[in-house]
Amino acid sequence: MKTIIATIALSITSLIGFSQDTAEVITTETETVEVITKTTGTTITVNAPVGSEEGSVFFSLQTKDNFLKGGIDTAESNIVDGKATVVFENVAPGDYAVTIYWDKNGNKKMDFEVNGMPKEMYGTSNNIMSFGPPQWSDAVFTVTNEPQVLDIRM
């Protein structure tokens, strides 16, 4: 319950903090109108080479608080010419990680063996592969106001 409340509070704080960037006041003879320009953030393009065109690839943009728990934005990409690509838009500056998995059988979930080993290929930002689940400290990257391109291997 505390996690849900903290996530909601963080989301609302982020929306309020990044929702207004600049304001322009326009005055006419009869009224004053304030025009607010919203911050658009930047884009993160994520590419993943894939061995065939079966299934699709799922991408998740995550913060430290929701790492491996669903993410703040998710996307699915078909595989075209051996590559899956998504673009996360309006990403505010900060620290993030991206996780991906190849849903080869089309059931829209990551499949695991009985012993917990993944049946489907996966990857994380920074391309760190280790035994066990990925760690935030290995996958984290910093977003600035400049667009970024990530190439993630599975």
N, C-alpha and C. Protein backbone atom coordinates (compact mmCIF):
# COMPACT_ATOMS: atom_id res chain seq x y z
N MET A 1 0.82 -1.19 0.00
CA MET A 1 0.00 0.00 0.00
C MET A 1 0.87 1.25 0.00
N LYS A 2 1.94 1.24 0.82
CA LYS A 2 2.84 2.39 0.87
C LYS A 2 3.48 2.63 -0.49
N THR A 3 3.82 1.55 -1.19
CA THR A 3 4.44 1.68 -2.51
C THR A 3 3.48 2.34 -3.49
N ILE A 4 2.22 1.95 -3.45
CA ILE A 4 1.23 2.53 -4.35
C ILE A 4 1.05 4.02 -4.06
N ILE A 5 0.94 4.37 -2.79
CA ILE A 5 0.78 5.78 -2.41
C ILE A 5 2.01 6.58 -2.82
N ALA A 6 3.20 6.02 -2.59
CA ALA A 6 4.43 6.72 -2.97
C ALA A 6 4.51 6.91 -4.47
N THR A 7 4.12 5.89 -5.24
CA THR A 7 4.15 5.98 -6.70
C THR A 7 3.18 7.05 -7.19
N ILE A 8 1.99 7.09 -6.64
CA ILE A 8 1.00 8.09 -7.03
C ILE A 8 1.51 9.49 -6.68
N ALA A 9 2.05 9.65 -5.48
CA ALA A 9 2.57 10.96 -5.06
C ALA A 9 3.71 11.40 -5.97
N LEU A 10 4.61 10.49 -6.30
CA LEU A 10 5.73 10.82 -7.20
C LEU A 10 5.22 11.21 -8.58
N SER A 11 4.22 10.49 -9.08
CA SER A 11 3.66 10.80 -10.39
C SER A 11 3.03 12.19 -10.41
N ILE A 12 2.26 12.49 -9.39
CA ILE A 12 1.60 13.80 -9.33
C ILE A 12 2.63 14.91 -9.20
N THR A 13 3.63 14.71 -8.35
CA THR A 13 4.70 15.70 -8.19
C THR A 13 5.43 15.92 -9.50
N SER A 14 5.72 14.85 -10.22
CA SER A 14 6.40 14.97 -11.51
C SER A 14 5.55 15.73 -12.51
N LEU A 15 4.26 15.42 -12.55
CA LEU A 15 3.37 16.11 -13.48
C LEU A 15 3.31 17.60 -13.18
N ILE A 16 3.19 17.95 -11.90
CA ILE A 16 3.12 19.35 -11.53
C ILE A 16 4.45 20.04 -11.80
N GLY A 17 5.54 19.40 -11.44
CA GLY A 17 6.86 19.99 -11.59
C GLY A 17 7.26 20.23 -13.03
N PHE A 18 6.85 19.34 -13.94
CA PHE A 18 7.26 19.45 -15.32
C PHE A 18 6.15 19.92 -16.25
N SER A 19 4.98 20.21 -15.72
CA SER A 19 3.86 20.54 -16.60
C SER A 19 3.92 21.96 -17.13
N GLN A 20 4.58 22.88 -16.41
CA GLN A 20 4.63 24.25 -16.89
C GLN A 20 6.07 24.67 -17.02
N ASP A 21 6.40 25.23 -18.16
CA ASP A 21 7.76 25.66 -18.40
C ASP A 21 7.82 27.18 -18.51
N THR A 22 7.12 27.75 -19.45
CA THR A 22 7.13 29.19 -19.63
C THR A 22 5.71 29.67 -19.82
N ALA A 23 5.48 30.92 -19.51
CA ALA A 23 4.15 31.50 -19.69
C ALA A 23 4.29 32.82 -20.41
N GLU A 24 3.38 33.09 -21.30
CA GLU A 24 3.35 34.34 -22.04
C GLU A 24 2.01 34.98 -21.75
N VAL A 25 2.02 36.25 -21.38
CA VAL A 25 0.78 36.96 -21.09
C VAL A 25 0.43 37.84 -22.27
N ILE A 26 -0.78 37.66 -22.77
CA ILE A 26 -1.27 38.45 -23.89
C ILE A 26 -2.39 39.33 -23.36
N THR A 27 -2.25 40.63 -23.55
CA THR A 27 -3.26 41.56 -23.06
C THR A 27 -3.92 42.25 -24.24
N THR A 28 -5.24 42.25 -24.25
CA THR A 28 -6.00 42.98 -25.26
C THR A 28 -6.80 44.05 -24.53
N GLU A 29 -7.58 44.81 -25.23
CA GLU A 29 -8.37 45.87 -24.60
C GLU A 29 -9.41 45.31 -23.64
N THR A 30 -9.88 44.12 -23.89
CA THR A 30 -10.98 43.59 -23.08
C THR A 30 -10.59 42.52 -22.09
N GLU A 31 -9.48 41.82 -22.31
CA GLU A 31 -9.13 40.73 -21.40
C GLU A 31 -7.65 40.40 -21.45
N THR A 32 -7.19 39.68 -20.44
CA THR A 32 -5.82 39.20 -20.38
C THR A 32 -5.85 37.69 -20.46
N VAL A 33 -5.05 37.12 -21.34
CA VAL A 33 -5.00 35.67 -21.53
C VAL A 33 -3.58 35.21 -21.27
N GLU A 34 -3.42 34.18 -20.45
CA GLU A 34 -2.10 33.61 -20.19
C GLU A 34 -1.96 32.33 -21.01
N VAL A 35 -0.94 32.27 -21.87
CA VAL A 35 -0.69 31.10 -22.70
C VAL A 35 0.46 30.34 -22.06
N ILE A 36 0.24 29.10 -21.70
CA ILE A 36 1.27 28.28 -21.04
C ILE A 36 1.85 27.32 -22.05
N THR A 37 3.17 27.34 -22.16
CA THR A 37 3.87 26.41 -23.03
C THR A 37 4.34 25.25 -22.18
N LYS A 38 3.91 24.07 -22.48
CA LYS A 38 4.27 22.90 -21.67
C LYS A 38 5.63 22.36 -22.08
N THR A 39 6.36 21.85 -21.10
CA THR A 39 7.63 21.21 -21.37
C THR A 39 7.36 19.90 -22.10
N THR A 40 8.05 19.67 -23.19
CA THR A 40 7.81 18.46 -23.95
C THR A 40 8.81 17.36 -23.61
N GLY A 41 9.87 17.68 -22.90
CA GLY A 41 10.87 16.67 -22.59
C GLY A 41 11.64 16.29 -23.83
N THR A 42 12.22 15.12 -23.81
CA THR A 42 13.01 14.66 -24.94
C THR A 42 12.54 13.29 -25.38
N THR A 43 13.18 12.75 -26.39
CA THR A 43 12.82 11.42 -26.88
C THR A 43 13.94 10.43 -26.62
N ILE A 44 13.56 9.20 -26.40
CA ILE A 44 14.51 8.10 -26.28
C ILE A 44 14.10 7.07 -27.33
N THR A 45 14.96 6.83 -28.29
CA THR A 45 14.71 5.81 -29.30
C THR A 45 15.46 4.56 -28.88
N VAL A 46 14.77 3.43 -28.85
CA VAL A 46 15.38 2.17 -28.43
C VAL A 46 15.30 1.18 -29.58
N ASN A 47 16.44 0.65 -29.98
CA ASN A 47 16.54 -0.34 -31.05
C ASN A 47 16.99 -1.68 -30.47
N ALA A 48 16.46 -2.76 -31.00
CA ALA A 48 16.87 -4.10 -30.57
C ALA A 48 16.96 -5.01 -31.78
N PRO A 49 18.15 -5.54 -32.07
CA PRO A 49 18.25 -6.52 -33.15
C PRO A 49 17.61 -7.83 -32.71
N VAL A 50 16.90 -8.47 -33.63
CA VAL A 50 16.18 -9.70 -33.32
C VAL A 50 16.49 -10.73 -34.41
N GLY A 51 16.61 -12.01 -34.01
CA GLY A 51 17.02 -13.07 -34.92
C GLY A 51 16.02 -13.46 -35.98
N SER A 52 14.74 -13.19 -35.78
CA SER A 52 13.73 -13.51 -36.78
C SER A 52 12.60 -12.51 -36.64
N GLU A 53 11.57 -12.65 -37.46
CA GLU A 53 10.46 -11.72 -37.38
C GLU A 53 9.24 -12.33 -36.70
N GLU A 54 9.45 -13.39 -35.93
CA GLU A 54 8.37 -14.02 -35.16
C GLU A 54 8.07 -13.20 -33.92
N GLY A 55 6.81 -13.07 -33.57
CA GLY A 55 6.42 -12.41 -32.35
C GLY A 55 6.65 -10.91 -32.38
N SER A 56 6.86 -10.33 -31.20
CA SER A 56 7.12 -8.90 -31.08
C SER A 56 8.04 -8.66 -29.89
N VAL A 57 8.49 -7.43 -29.74
CA VAL A 57 9.39 -7.09 -28.63
C VAL A 57 8.67 -6.07 -27.75
N PHE A 58 8.70 -6.29 -26.45
CA PHE A 58 8.10 -5.38 -25.48
C PHE A 58 9.20 -4.58 -24.81
N PHE A 59 8.98 -3.27 -24.68
CA PHE A 59 9.93 -2.34 -24.10
C PHE A 59 9.30 -1.68 -22.87
N SER A 60 10.09 -1.43 -21.84
CA SER A 60 9.59 -0.76 -20.64
C SER A 60 10.60 0.28 -20.19
N LEU A 61 10.15 1.52 -20.05
CA LEU A 61 10.96 2.62 -19.52
C LEU A 61 10.67 2.69 -18.03
N GLN A 62 11.74 2.64 -17.22
CA GLN A 62 11.56 2.50 -15.78
C GLN A 62 12.40 3.49 -14.99
N THR A 63 11.91 3.83 -13.81
CA THR A 63 12.67 4.61 -12.85
C THR A 63 13.15 3.66 -11.76
N LYS A 64 13.97 4.17 -10.85
CA LYS A 64 14.49 3.32 -9.78
C LYS A 64 13.35 2.74 -8.94
N ASP A 65 12.32 3.56 -8.70
CA ASP A 65 11.22 3.12 -7.84
C ASP A 65 10.38 2.00 -8.45
N ASN A 66 10.32 1.91 -9.78
CA ASN A 66 9.48 0.86 -10.38
C ASN A 66 10.29 -0.09 -11.26
N PHE A 67 11.59 -0.16 -11.04
CA PHE A 67 12.44 -1.03 -11.83
C PHE A 67 12.00 -2.49 -11.69
N LEU A 68 11.76 -3.13 -12.81
CA LEU A 68 11.27 -4.51 -12.92
C LEU A 68 9.87 -4.70 -12.34
N LYS A 69 9.12 -3.59 -12.20
CA LYS A 69 7.76 -3.67 -11.65
C LYS A 69 6.73 -3.07 -12.59
N GLY A 70 7.03 -2.94 -13.86
CA GLY A 70 6.04 -2.43 -14.79
C GLY A 70 6.45 -1.19 -15.54
N GLY A 71 7.20 -0.31 -14.93
CA GLY A 71 7.68 0.86 -15.64
C GLY A 71 6.71 2.01 -15.71
N ILE A 72 7.21 3.17 -16.15
CA ILE A 72 6.37 4.36 -16.29
C ILE A 72 5.80 4.48 -17.70
N ASP A 73 6.40 3.77 -18.64
CA ASP A 73 5.89 3.75 -20.01
C ASP A 73 6.30 2.42 -20.63
N THR A 74 5.39 1.84 -21.38
CA THR A 74 5.68 0.58 -22.06
C THR A 74 5.27 0.69 -23.52
N ALA A 75 5.90 -0.12 -24.35
CA ALA A 75 5.58 -0.10 -25.77
C ALA A 75 5.86 -1.48 -26.36
N GLU A 76 5.14 -1.81 -27.40
CA GLU A 76 5.34 -3.05 -28.13
C GLU A 76 5.73 -2.71 -29.56
N SER A 77 6.67 -3.46 -30.12
CA SER A 77 7.10 -3.22 -31.49
C SER A 77 7.10 -4.51 -32.28
N ASN A 78 6.60 -4.43 -33.49
CA ASN A 78 6.76 -5.53 -34.43
C ASN A 78 8.22 -5.57 -34.86
N ILE A 79 8.63 -6.69 -35.39
CA ILE A 79 10.01 -6.86 -35.84
C ILE A 79 10.02 -6.67 -37.35
N VAL A 80 10.81 -5.72 -37.81
CA VAL A 80 10.90 -5.41 -39.24
C VAL A 80 12.37 -5.45 -39.63
N ASP A 81 12.69 -6.25 -40.64
CA ASP A 81 14.07 -6.38 -41.12
C ASP A 81 15.05 -6.72 -39.99
N GLY A 82 14.62 -7.59 -39.08
CA GLY A 82 15.50 -8.04 -38.00
C GLY A 82 15.73 -7.04 -36.90
N LYS A 83 14.84 -6.03 -36.77
CA LYS A 83 15.02 -5.03 -35.73
C LYS A 83 13.67 -4.56 -35.21
N ALA A 84 13.59 -4.36 -33.90
CA ALA A 84 12.42 -3.77 -33.27
C ALA A 84 12.82 -2.41 -32.73
N THR A 85 11.97 -1.41 -32.93
CA THR A 85 12.29 -0.04 -32.51
C THR A 85 11.07 0.62 -31.91
N VAL A 86 11.27 1.34 -30.80
CA VAL A 86 10.21 2.18 -30.21
C VAL A 86 10.82 3.53 -29.87
N VAL A 87 9.94 4.51 -29.73
CA VAL A 87 10.36 5.84 -29.31
C VAL A 87 9.51 6.23 -28.10
N PHE A 88 10.18 6.52 -26.97
CA PHE A 88 9.51 7.06 -25.79
C PHE A 88 9.60 8.57 -25.93
N GLU A 89 8.46 9.26 -25.89
CA GLU A 89 8.42 10.70 -26.09
C GLU A 89 8.14 11.42 -24.79
N ASN A 90 8.51 12.71 -24.77
CA ASN A 90 8.26 13.59 -23.63
C ASN A 90 8.84 13.05 -22.32
N VAL A 91 10.05 12.53 -22.39
CA VAL A 91 10.71 11.98 -21.21
C VAL A 91 11.43 13.13 -20.49
N ALA A 92 11.09 13.35 -19.25
CA ALA A 92 11.70 14.41 -18.45
C ALA A 92 13.14 14.02 -18.10
N PRO A 93 14.02 14.99 -17.94
CA PRO A 93 15.39 14.68 -17.52
C PRO A 93 15.40 13.88 -16.21
N GLY A 94 16.33 12.96 -16.09
CA GLY A 94 16.44 12.14 -14.88
C GLY A 94 17.11 10.82 -15.19
N ASP A 95 17.10 9.92 -14.22
CA ASP A 95 17.71 8.60 -14.36
C ASP A 95 16.65 7.57 -14.69
N TYR A 96 16.95 6.74 -15.70
CA TYR A 96 16.01 5.74 -16.19
C TYR A 96 16.76 4.46 -16.54
N ALA A 97 16.00 3.40 -16.75
CA ALA A 97 16.51 2.15 -17.31
C ALA A 97 15.45 1.64 -18.29
N VAL A 98 15.90 0.87 -19.27
CA VAL A 98 14.97 0.25 -20.21
C VAL A 98 15.20 -1.25 -20.16
N THR A 99 14.12 -2.00 -20.05
CA THR A 99 14.19 -3.45 -20.15
C THR A 99 13.34 -3.87 -21.35
N ILE A 100 13.76 -4.94 -22.00
CA ILE A 100 13.04 -5.45 -23.17
C ILE A 100 12.97 -6.97 -23.09
N TYR A 101 11.98 -7.52 -23.75
CA TYR A 101 11.96 -8.97 -23.95
C TYR A 101 11.29 -9.29 -25.28
N TRP A 102 11.73 -10.37 -25.87
CA TRP A 102 11.22 -10.83 -27.15
C TRP A 102 10.12 -11.83 -26.88
N ASP A 103 8.89 -11.45 -27.15
CA ASP A 103 7.73 -12.31 -26.96
C ASP A 103 7.52 -13.13 -28.23
N LYS A 104 8.34 -14.14 -28.38
CA LYS A 104 8.35 -14.94 -29.61
C LYS A 104 7.03 -15.70 -29.82
N ASN A 105 6.41 -16.15 -28.72
CA ASN A 105 5.18 -16.95 -28.86
C ASN A 105 3.91 -16.10 -28.84
N GLY A 106 4.01 -14.79 -28.67
CA GLY A 106 2.86 -13.90 -28.78
C GLY A 106 1.88 -13.92 -27.63
N ASN A 107 2.29 -14.39 -26.45
CA ASN A 107 1.35 -14.43 -25.32
C ASN A 107 1.40 -13.17 -24.46
N LYS A 108 2.19 -12.18 -24.86
CA LYS A 108 2.28 -10.86 -24.21
C LYS A 108 2.77 -10.93 -22.77
N LYS A 109 3.63 -11.91 -22.47
CA LYS A 109 4.26 -11.98 -21.16
C LYS A 109 5.60 -12.70 -21.29
N MET A 110 6.48 -12.42 -20.35
CA MET A 110 7.78 -13.07 -20.32
C MET A 110 7.59 -14.46 -19.73
N ASP A 111 8.05 -15.47 -20.44
CA ASP A 111 7.89 -16.85 -19.99
C ASP A 111 9.15 -17.33 -19.29
N PHE A 112 8.97 -18.14 -18.23
CA PHE A 112 10.07 -18.65 -17.43
C PHE A 112 10.00 -20.17 -17.31
N GLU A 113 11.16 -20.79 -17.15
CA GLU A 113 11.24 -22.21 -16.85
C GLU A 113 10.78 -22.42 -15.41
N VAL A 114 10.59 -23.66 -15.01
CA VAL A 114 10.18 -23.99 -13.65
C VAL A 114 11.20 -23.48 -12.63
N ASN A 115 12.48 -23.50 -13.01
CA ASN A 115 13.54 -23.08 -12.08
C ASN A 115 13.75 -21.56 -12.07
N GLY A 116 12.93 -20.80 -12.82
CA GLY A 116 13.03 -19.35 -12.82
C GLY A 116 13.85 -18.75 -13.94
N MET A 117 14.49 -19.58 -14.75
CA MET A 117 15.28 -19.07 -15.88
C MET A 117 14.33 -18.63 -17.00
N PRO A 118 14.64 -17.50 -17.66
CA PRO A 118 13.76 -17.05 -18.74
C PRO A 118 13.80 -17.97 -19.95
N LYS A 119 12.65 -18.19 -20.55
CA LYS A 119 12.55 -18.96 -21.79
C LYS A 119 12.75 -18.07 -23.00
N GLU A 120 12.49 -16.76 -22.83
CA GLU A 120 12.57 -15.82 -23.94
C GLU A 120 13.74 -14.87 -23.72
N MET A 121 14.26 -14.38 -24.83
CA MET A 121 15.42 -13.50 -24.75
C MET A 121 15.00 -12.14 -24.19
N TYR A 122 15.93 -11.51 -23.47
CA TYR A 122 15.66 -10.22 -22.85
C TYR A 122 16.94 -9.38 -22.86
N GLY A 123 16.81 -8.12 -22.54
CA GLY A 123 17.97 -7.24 -22.46
C GLY A 123 17.64 -6.01 -21.63
N THR A 124 18.69 -5.27 -21.27
CA THR A 124 18.53 -4.03 -20.50
C THR A 124 19.43 -2.95 -21.09
N SER A 125 19.10 -1.71 -20.76
CA SER A 125 19.97 -0.62 -21.17
C SER A 125 21.37 -0.88 -20.61
N ASN A 126 22.37 -0.40 -21.30
CA ASN A 126 23.80 -0.60 -21.00
C ASN A 126 24.28 -2.01 -21.35
N ASN A 127 23.39 -2.88 -21.81
CA ASN A 127 23.75 -4.22 -22.29
C ASN A 127 24.54 -5.05 -21.30
N ILE A 128 24.22 -4.93 -20.03
CA ILE A 128 24.88 -5.74 -19.00
C ILE A 128 24.09 -7.04 -18.86
N MET A 129 24.75 -8.14 -19.06
CA MET A 129 24.11 -9.44 -18.88
C MET A 129 24.81 -10.15 -17.73
N SER A 130 24.04 -10.62 -16.77
CA SER A 130 24.62 -11.32 -15.64
C SER A 130 23.68 -12.45 -15.24
N PHE A 131 24.16 -13.29 -14.36
CA PHE A 131 23.31 -14.34 -13.83
C PHE A 131 22.33 -13.71 -12.85
N GLY A 132 21.10 -14.07 -12.95
CA GLY A 132 20.09 -13.47 -12.09
C GLY A 132 19.43 -12.29 -12.76
N PRO A 133 18.46 -11.69 -12.10
CA PRO A 133 17.74 -10.57 -12.69
C PRO A 133 18.65 -9.35 -12.83
N PRO A 134 18.35 -8.48 -13.78
CA PRO A 134 19.17 -7.27 -13.95
C PRO A 134 19.09 -6.38 -12.71
N GLN A 135 20.13 -5.59 -12.50
CA GLN A 135 20.19 -4.68 -11.37
C GLN A 135 20.06 -3.24 -11.87
N TRP A 136 19.38 -2.41 -11.09
CA TRP A 136 19.20 -1.00 -11.44
C TRP A 136 20.56 -0.32 -11.69
N SER A 137 21.51 -0.56 -10.82
CA SER A 137 22.81 0.11 -10.93
C SER A 137 23.53 -0.23 -12.23
N ASP A 138 23.25 -1.39 -12.80
CA ASP A 138 23.87 -1.77 -14.08
C ASP A 138 23.13 -1.19 -15.28
N ALA A 139 21.83 -0.97 -15.15
CA ALA A 139 21.00 -0.58 -16.29
C ALA A 139 20.73 0.92 -16.37
N VAL A 140 21.01 1.68 -15.33
CA VAL A 140 20.63 3.09 -15.28
C VAL A 140 21.42 3.94 -16.28
N PHE A 141 20.73 4.91 -16.86
CA PHE A 141 21.36 5.92 -17.71
C PHE A 141 20.65 7.24 -17.44
N THR A 142 21.31 8.34 -17.74
CA THR A 142 20.77 9.66 -17.44
C THR A 142 20.24 10.32 -18.70
N VAL A 143 19.03 10.84 -18.59
CA VAL A 143 18.39 11.56 -19.68
C VAL A 143 18.56 13.06 -19.43
N THR A 144 19.01 13.76 -20.46
CA THR A 144 19.09 15.22 -20.42
C THR A 144 18.03 15.75 -21.37
N ASN A 145 18.18 16.97 -21.80
CA ASN A 145 17.22 17.52 -22.76
C ASN A 145 17.53 17.14 -24.19
N GLU A 146 18.58 16.37 -24.41
CA GLU A 146 18.96 15.94 -25.75
C GLU A 146 18.35 14.57 -26.07
N PRO A 147 17.88 14.37 -27.29
CA PRO A 147 17.36 13.05 -27.68
C PRO A 147 18.45 11.99 -27.54
N GLN A 148 18.05 10.77 -27.19
CA GLN A 148 18.98 9.68 -27.02
C GLN A 148 18.57 8.49 -27.86
N VAL A 149 19.57 7.70 -28.26
CA VAL A 149 19.32 6.45 -28.99
C VAL A 149 20.03 5.35 -28.24
N LEU A 150 19.30 4.31 -27.89
CA LEU A 150 19.85 3.14 -27.20
C LEU A 150 19.77 1.94 -28.13
N ASP A 151 20.84 1.18 -28.19
CA ASP A 151 20.83 -0.10 -28.89
C ASP A 151 20.99 -1.18 -27.84
N ILE A 152 19.98 -2.03 -27.70
CA ILE A 152 19.98 -3.05 -26.65
C ILE A 152 20.08 -4.43 -27.29
N ARG A 153 21.07 -5.20 -26.83
CA ARG A 153 21.24 -6.58 -27.29
C ARG A 153 20.46 -7.51 -26.36
N MET A 154 20.00 -8.62 -26.94
CA MET A 154 19.32 -9.63 -26.13
C MET A 154 20.16 -10.88 -26.12
